Amino acid sequence: MATQPWPARAVRLLLDVHHSRHAAARLRELGHDVEAAADHPDLAKLDDAALLAVATADGRVVVTENVADFAPLGQVWSSAGRDHAGLVLTSPRRFHRGRASYPHDLVQALDALLRATPGDLVSQTWWL
């Protein structure tokens, strides 16, 4: 397996465009290092493989509900012996963007994950 290119540290996140930039802002207020692709036009326009590559280069775990594309992409990287910074796959049923509790429910779940995970998530896939 490839050598990890970044030092172990607190988990850093990149929310895919499917998730609210307000969730990223709230998580930053809680002390976490979180970026939202929606806040960066150059990231928002990237395809999934390129977004995973950019996130990995920056040591960021991608948070996405795009399971259909990112789950196989993570497997392709693993099969090729290539590490990624990690994936957090979310369910649109649990974190429905049309629900009044969104993005608060996403923020709570990610905050709990980040507080419970002191190291990194290299090449791991987590489901929320």
N, C-alpha and C. Protein backbone atom coordinates (compact mmCIF):
# COMPACT_ATOMS: atom_id res chain seq x y z
N MET A 1 0.83 -1.17 0.00
CA MET A 1 0.00 0.00 0.00
C MET A 1 0.89 1.25 0.00
N ALA A 2 0.41 2.31 -0.57
CA ALA A 2 1.19 3.53 -0.68
C ALA A 2 1.44 4.14 0.70
N THR A 3 2.53 4.83 0.83
CA THR A 3 2.86 5.50 2.08
C THR A 3 1.98 6.73 2.23
N GLN A 4 1.49 6.96 3.43
CA GLN A 4 0.65 8.11 3.71
C GLN A 4 1.46 9.40 3.49
N PRO A 5 0.99 10.31 2.61
CA PRO A 5 1.77 11.50 2.30
C PRO A 5 1.60 12.65 3.29
N TRP A 6 0.70 12.54 4.24
CA TRP A 6 0.47 13.62 5.19
C TRP A 6 0.60 13.07 6.61
N PRO A 7 0.98 13.92 7.55
CA PRO A 7 1.13 13.44 8.92
C PRO A 7 -0.23 13.16 9.57
N ALA A 8 -0.25 12.20 10.50
CA ALA A 8 -1.48 11.91 11.25
C ALA A 8 -1.83 13.14 12.10
N ARG A 9 -3.07 13.51 12.08
CA ARG A 9 -3.55 14.67 12.84
C ARG A 9 -5.06 14.59 12.93
N ALA A 10 -5.65 15.59 13.49
CA ALA A 10 -7.10 15.63 13.58
C ALA A 10 -7.68 15.51 12.17
N VAL A 11 -8.82 14.86 12.09
CA VAL A 11 -9.47 14.66 10.80
C VAL A 11 -9.94 15.99 10.24
N ARG A 12 -9.63 16.20 8.98
CA ARG A 12 -10.04 17.41 8.26
C ARG A 12 -11.03 16.98 7.19
N LEU A 13 -12.07 17.77 6.97
CA LEU A 13 -13.13 17.38 6.05
C LEU A 13 -13.26 18.33 4.86
N LEU A 14 -13.75 17.76 3.76
CA LEU A 14 -14.20 18.52 2.60
C LEU A 14 -15.60 18.04 2.28
N LEU A 15 -16.58 18.91 2.46
CA LEU A 15 -17.96 18.56 2.13
C LEU A 15 -18.16 18.69 0.63
N ASP A 16 -18.64 17.64 0.00
CA ASP A 16 -18.96 17.65 -1.42
C ASP A 16 -20.09 18.67 -1.65
N VAL A 17 -20.30 19.03 -2.90
CA VAL A 17 -21.31 20.05 -3.22
C VAL A 17 -22.71 19.65 -2.81
N HIS A 18 -22.95 18.39 -2.53
CA HIS A 18 -24.28 17.95 -2.11
C HIS A 18 -24.64 18.47 -0.72
N HIS A 19 -23.62 18.82 0.05
CA HIS A 19 -23.88 19.26 1.42
C HIS A 19 -23.71 20.77 1.58
N SER A 20 -24.45 21.29 2.53
CA SER A 20 -24.55 22.72 2.77
C SER A 20 -23.24 23.34 3.25
N ARG A 21 -22.93 24.47 2.66
CA ARG A 21 -21.78 25.25 3.13
C ARG A 21 -22.02 25.74 4.56
N HIS A 22 -23.30 25.84 4.96
CA HIS A 22 -23.62 26.26 6.32
C HIS A 22 -23.19 25.19 7.33
N ALA A 23 -23.23 23.93 6.91
CA ALA A 23 -22.75 22.86 7.79
C ALA A 23 -21.25 23.02 8.02
N ALA A 24 -20.53 23.33 6.96
CA ALA A 24 -19.07 23.53 7.10
C ALA A 24 -18.79 24.71 8.02
N ALA A 25 -19.51 25.80 7.84
CA ALA A 25 -19.30 26.98 8.68
C ALA A 25 -19.57 26.66 10.15
N ARG A 26 -20.65 25.93 10.41
CA ARG A 26 -20.99 25.59 11.80
C ARG A 26 -19.93 24.67 12.41
N LEU A 27 -19.45 23.71 11.62
CA LEU A 27 -18.40 22.82 12.12
C LEU A 27 -17.11 23.59 12.41
N ARG A 28 -16.80 24.59 11.61
CA ARG A 28 -15.63 25.44 11.90
C ARG A 28 -15.83 26.19 13.21
N GLU A 29 -17.06 26.67 13.44
CA GLU A 29 -17.35 27.35 14.71
C GLU A 29 -17.14 26.42 15.90
N LEU A 30 -17.33 25.14 15.67
CA LEU A 30 -17.13 24.14 16.73
C LEU A 30 -15.67 23.71 16.85
N GLY A 31 -14.80 24.32 16.04
CA GLY A 31 -13.37 24.08 16.16
C GLY A 31 -12.78 23.06 15.19
N HIS A 32 -13.56 22.63 14.21
CA HIS A 32 -13.09 21.63 13.26
C HIS A 32 -12.58 22.29 11.98
N ASP A 33 -11.67 21.61 11.32
CA ASP A 33 -11.10 22.08 10.05
C ASP A 33 -11.94 21.49 8.92
N VAL A 34 -12.88 22.27 8.44
CA VAL A 34 -13.84 21.79 7.44
C VAL A 34 -13.98 22.83 6.33
N GLU A 35 -13.93 22.35 5.11
CA GLU A 35 -14.18 23.19 3.93
C GLU A 35 -15.38 22.63 3.19
N ALA A 36 -16.06 23.48 2.45
CA ALA A 36 -17.19 23.06 1.61
C ALA A 36 -16.83 23.32 0.16
N ALA A 37 -16.96 22.32 -0.68
CA ALA A 37 -16.68 22.50 -2.11
C ALA A 37 -17.56 23.61 -2.68
N ALA A 38 -18.76 23.76 -2.14
CA ALA A 38 -19.67 24.80 -2.63
C ALA A 38 -19.11 26.20 -2.42
N ASP A 39 -18.18 26.37 -1.50
CA ASP A 39 -17.56 27.68 -1.25
C ASP A 39 -16.39 27.97 -2.19
N HIS A 40 -15.99 26.99 -2.97
CA HIS A 40 -14.82 27.12 -3.84
C HIS A 40 -15.20 26.72 -5.27
N PRO A 41 -15.44 27.67 -6.15
CA PRO A 41 -15.87 27.34 -7.51
C PRO A 41 -14.95 26.36 -8.22
N ASP A 42 -13.65 26.43 -7.95
CA ASP A 42 -12.72 25.50 -8.60
C ASP A 42 -12.94 24.07 -8.12
N LEU A 43 -13.34 23.88 -6.87
CA LEU A 43 -13.63 22.55 -6.35
C LEU A 43 -15.02 22.07 -6.77
N ALA A 44 -15.97 22.99 -6.79
CA ALA A 44 -17.36 22.63 -7.10
C ALA A 44 -17.51 22.07 -8.51
N LYS A 45 -16.63 22.44 -9.40
CA LYS A 45 -16.77 21.99 -10.79
C LYS A 45 -15.99 20.70 -11.09
N LEU A 46 -15.22 20.20 -10.12
CA LEU A 46 -14.42 19.00 -10.35
C LEU A 46 -15.28 17.74 -10.42
N ASP A 47 -14.86 16.78 -11.24
CA ASP A 47 -15.53 15.48 -11.22
C ASP A 47 -15.10 14.76 -9.95
N ASP A 48 -15.76 13.65 -9.66
CA ASP A 48 -15.55 12.95 -8.39
C ASP A 48 -14.11 12.49 -8.19
N ALA A 49 -13.51 11.91 -9.23
CA ALA A 49 -12.13 11.42 -9.10
C ALA A 49 -11.17 12.57 -8.82
N ALA A 50 -11.36 13.68 -9.50
CA ALA A 50 -10.49 14.84 -9.28
C ALA A 50 -10.71 15.43 -7.89
N LEU A 51 -11.96 15.46 -7.43
CA LEU A 51 -12.24 15.98 -6.09
C LEU A 51 -11.58 15.11 -5.02
N LEU A 52 -11.65 13.79 -5.19
CA LEU A 52 -11.00 12.89 -4.24
C LEU A 52 -9.48 13.09 -4.26
N ALA A 53 -8.92 13.30 -5.43
CA ALA A 53 -7.47 13.51 -5.54
C ALA A 53 -7.06 14.82 -4.86
N VAL A 54 -7.81 15.88 -5.09
CA VAL A 54 -7.50 17.18 -4.47
C VAL A 54 -7.66 17.09 -2.95
N ALA A 55 -8.74 16.47 -2.51
CA ALA A 55 -8.97 16.32 -1.07
C ALA A 55 -7.84 15.52 -0.43
N THR A 56 -7.43 14.45 -1.08
CA THR A 56 -6.36 13.61 -0.56
C THR A 56 -5.05 14.37 -0.49
N ALA A 57 -4.74 15.12 -1.52
CA ALA A 57 -3.51 15.92 -1.53
C ALA A 57 -3.49 16.90 -0.37
N ASP A 58 -4.68 17.37 0.05
CA ASP A 58 -4.79 18.32 1.15
C ASP A 58 -5.05 17.61 2.48
N GLY A 59 -5.10 16.27 2.47
CA GLY A 59 -5.33 15.51 3.69
C GLY A 59 -6.74 15.66 4.22
N ARG A 60 -7.72 15.80 3.32
CA ARG A 60 -9.12 15.99 3.72
C ARG A 60 -9.97 14.79 3.35
N VAL A 61 -10.81 14.40 4.27
CA VAL A 61 -11.79 13.34 4.05
C VAL A 61 -12.97 13.94 3.30
N VAL A 62 -13.41 13.28 2.24
CA VAL A 62 -14.57 13.75 1.49
C VAL A 62 -15.84 13.25 2.16
N VAL A 63 -16.76 14.18 2.40
CA VAL A 63 -18.09 13.86 2.94
C VAL A 63 -19.08 14.05 1.81
N THR A 64 -19.77 12.98 1.43
CA THR A 64 -20.67 13.05 0.28
C THR A 64 -21.84 12.09 0.44
N GLU A 65 -22.94 12.43 -0.20
CA GLU A 65 -24.05 11.48 -0.30
C GLU A 65 -24.03 10.77 -1.64
N ASN A 66 -23.03 11.07 -2.46
CA ASN A 66 -22.90 10.46 -3.77
C ASN A 66 -22.23 9.09 -3.64
N VAL A 67 -22.94 8.19 -2.99
CA VAL A 67 -22.43 6.84 -2.73
C VAL A 67 -22.18 6.09 -4.03
N ALA A 68 -23.06 6.27 -5.00
CA ALA A 68 -22.98 5.53 -6.26
C ALA A 68 -21.65 5.75 -6.97
N ASP A 69 -21.05 6.92 -6.81
CA ASP A 69 -19.79 7.21 -7.48
C ASP A 69 -18.58 7.06 -6.54
N PHE A 70 -18.71 7.54 -5.31
CA PHE A 70 -17.54 7.55 -4.43
C PHE A 70 -17.22 6.19 -3.82
N ALA A 71 -18.20 5.36 -3.52
CA ALA A 71 -17.89 4.04 -2.97
C ALA A 71 -17.06 3.22 -3.96
N PRO A 72 -17.46 3.13 -5.23
CA PRO A 72 -16.61 2.40 -6.19
C PRO A 72 -15.26 3.07 -6.41
N LEU A 73 -15.23 4.39 -6.37
CA LEU A 73 -13.98 5.12 -6.56
C LEU A 73 -13.00 4.77 -5.44
N GLY A 74 -13.48 4.71 -4.21
CA GLY A 74 -12.63 4.31 -3.09
C GLY A 74 -12.10 2.90 -3.28
N GLN A 75 -12.93 2.00 -3.80
CA GLN A 75 -12.50 0.62 -4.05
C GLN A 75 -11.46 0.56 -5.16
N VAL A 76 -11.62 1.38 -6.20
CA VAL A 76 -10.65 1.43 -7.29
C VAL A 76 -9.30 1.89 -6.75
N TRP A 77 -9.31 2.92 -5.92
CA TRP A 77 -8.05 3.41 -5.33
C TRP A 77 -7.42 2.31 -4.50
N SER A 78 -8.21 1.64 -3.69
CA SER A 78 -7.68 0.57 -2.83
C SER A 78 -7.10 -0.56 -3.66
N SER A 79 -7.80 -0.96 -4.70
CA SER A 79 -7.32 -2.05 -5.57
C SER A 79 -6.00 -1.69 -6.25
N ALA A 80 -5.83 -0.40 -6.49
CA ALA A 80 -4.61 0.07 -7.14
C ALA A 80 -3.49 0.33 -6.13
N GLY A 81 -3.76 0.08 -4.84
CA GLY A 81 -2.76 0.32 -3.80
C GLY A 81 -2.55 1.79 -3.53
N ARG A 82 -3.56 2.57 -3.80
CA ARG A 82 -3.48 4.03 -3.65
C ARG A 82 -4.33 4.47 -2.46
N ASP A 83 -3.72 5.16 -1.51
CA ASP A 83 -4.45 5.67 -0.35
C ASP A 83 -5.19 6.94 -0.69
N HIS A 84 -6.33 7.13 -0.06
CA HIS A 84 -7.03 8.42 -0.07
C HIS A 84 -7.18 8.84 1.38
N ALA A 85 -7.55 10.07 1.61
CA ALA A 85 -7.63 10.58 2.98
C ALA A 85 -8.83 10.04 3.75
N GLY A 86 -9.78 9.45 3.04
CA GLY A 86 -10.96 8.87 3.67
C GLY A 86 -12.23 9.36 3.02
N LEU A 87 -13.29 8.59 3.24
CA LEU A 87 -14.61 8.93 2.73
C LEU A 87 -15.63 8.80 3.85
N VAL A 88 -16.52 9.76 3.94
CA VAL A 88 -17.68 9.65 4.82
C VAL A 88 -18.88 9.74 3.89
N LEU A 89 -19.60 8.63 3.81
CA LEU A 89 -20.77 8.54 2.93
C LEU A 89 -22.02 8.76 3.76
N THR A 90 -22.86 9.66 3.30
CA THR A 90 -24.06 10.01 4.05
C THR A 90 -25.30 9.57 3.28
N SER A 91 -26.35 9.36 4.01
CA SER A 91 -27.61 8.95 3.42
C SER A 91 -28.54 10.15 3.27
N PRO A 92 -29.10 10.35 2.08
CA PRO A 92 -30.06 11.44 1.92
C PRO A 92 -31.35 11.19 2.71
N ARG A 93 -31.58 9.95 3.10
CA ARG A 93 -32.74 9.68 3.96
C ARG A 93 -32.50 10.22 5.37
N ARG A 94 -31.29 10.02 5.86
CA ARG A 94 -30.97 10.49 7.21
C ARG A 94 -30.73 12.00 7.24
N PHE A 95 -30.11 12.52 6.20
CA PHE A 95 -29.76 13.96 6.15
C PHE A 95 -30.44 14.59 4.94
N HIS A 96 -31.75 14.58 4.94
CA HIS A 96 -32.53 15.10 3.81
C HIS A 96 -32.45 16.63 3.80
N ARG A 97 -32.00 17.16 2.68
CA ARG A 97 -31.81 18.61 2.59
C ARG A 97 -33.12 19.40 2.65
N GLY A 98 -34.24 18.76 2.43
CA GLY A 98 -35.53 19.45 2.51
C GLY A 98 -36.14 19.45 3.90
N ARG A 99 -35.50 18.75 4.82
CA ARG A 99 -36.02 18.64 6.17
C ARG A 99 -35.57 19.86 6.99
N ALA A 100 -36.41 20.30 7.90
CA ALA A 100 -36.09 21.46 8.74
C ALA A 100 -34.86 21.21 9.61
N SER A 101 -34.58 19.96 9.92
CA SER A 101 -33.44 19.65 10.79
C SER A 101 -32.10 19.68 10.06
N TYR A 102 -32.14 19.83 8.74
CA TYR A 102 -30.90 19.89 7.95
C TYR A 102 -30.45 21.35 7.85
N PRO A 103 -29.20 21.70 8.03
CA PRO A 103 -28.03 20.86 8.19
C PRO A 103 -27.65 20.55 9.64
N HIS A 104 -28.49 20.95 10.59
CA HIS A 104 -28.16 20.73 12.00
C HIS A 104 -27.88 19.25 12.29
N ASP A 105 -28.70 18.36 11.73
CA ASP A 105 -28.49 16.94 11.99
C ASP A 105 -27.17 16.44 11.42
N LEU A 106 -26.78 16.96 10.27
CA LEU A 106 -25.49 16.60 9.67
C LEU A 106 -24.34 17.12 10.53
N VAL A 107 -24.47 18.36 10.98
CA VAL A 107 -23.43 18.95 11.84
C VAL A 107 -23.25 18.12 13.11
N GLN A 108 -24.34 17.72 13.72
CA GLN A 108 -24.25 16.91 14.94
C GLN A 108 -23.53 15.59 14.68
N ALA A 109 -23.89 14.93 13.60
CA ALA A 109 -23.28 13.63 13.29
C ALA A 109 -21.80 13.77 12.97
N LEU A 110 -21.44 14.78 12.18
CA LEU A 110 -20.03 14.98 11.83
C LEU A 110 -19.22 15.44 13.04
N ASP A 111 -19.80 16.29 13.86
CA ASP A 111 -19.11 16.72 15.08
C ASP A 111 -18.81 15.51 15.97
N ALA A 112 -19.78 14.62 16.12
CA ALA A 112 -19.57 13.42 16.93
C ALA A 112 -18.49 12.54 16.33
N LEU A 113 -18.51 12.37 15.02
CA LEU A 113 -17.48 11.57 14.35
C LEU A 113 -16.10 12.19 14.55
N LEU A 114 -16.00 13.49 14.37
CA LEU A 114 -14.71 14.17 14.49
C LEU A 114 -14.18 14.12 15.93
N ARG A 115 -15.05 14.22 16.89
CA ARG A 115 -14.63 14.15 18.30
C ARG A 115 -14.21 12.73 18.69
N ALA A 116 -14.79 11.74 18.05
CA ALA A 116 -14.49 10.34 18.38
C ALA A 116 -13.31 9.78 17.59
N THR A 117 -12.83 10.54 16.60
CA THR A 117 -11.78 10.06 15.71
C THR A 117 -10.57 10.98 15.82
N PRO A 118 -9.66 10.70 16.74
CA PRO A 118 -8.53 11.60 16.95
C PRO A 118 -7.46 11.53 15.87
N GLY A 119 -7.40 10.43 15.16
CA GLY A 119 -6.36 10.26 14.14
C GLY A 119 -6.87 10.54 12.75
N ASP A 120 -6.45 9.72 11.82
CA ASP A 120 -6.88 9.92 10.45
C ASP A 120 -7.79 8.78 10.00
N LEU A 121 -8.35 8.93 8.84
CA LEU A 121 -9.24 7.91 8.27
C LEU A 121 -8.67 7.39 6.95
N VAL A 122 -7.36 7.31 6.85
CA VAL A 122 -6.70 6.95 5.60
C VAL A 122 -7.32 5.69 5.00
N SER A 123 -7.81 5.85 3.80
CA SER A 123 -8.41 4.79 2.99
C SER A 123 -9.59 4.09 3.65
N GLN A 124 -10.16 4.71 4.67
CA GLN A 124 -11.35 4.15 5.32
C GLN A 124 -12.60 4.78 4.73
N THR A 125 -13.67 4.03 4.79
CA THR A 125 -14.98 4.55 4.40
C THR A 125 -15.90 4.40 5.60
N TRP A 126 -16.51 5.52 5.99
CA TRP A 126 -17.45 5.56 7.11
C TRP A 126 -18.82 5.89 6.57
N TRP A 127 -19.84 5.31 7.14
CA TRP A 127 -21.22 5.57 6.76
C TRP A 127 -21.94 6.30 7.87
N LEU A 128 -22.61 7.36 7.50
CA LEU A 128 -23.47 8.09 8.46
C LEU A 128 -24.90 8.02 7.97
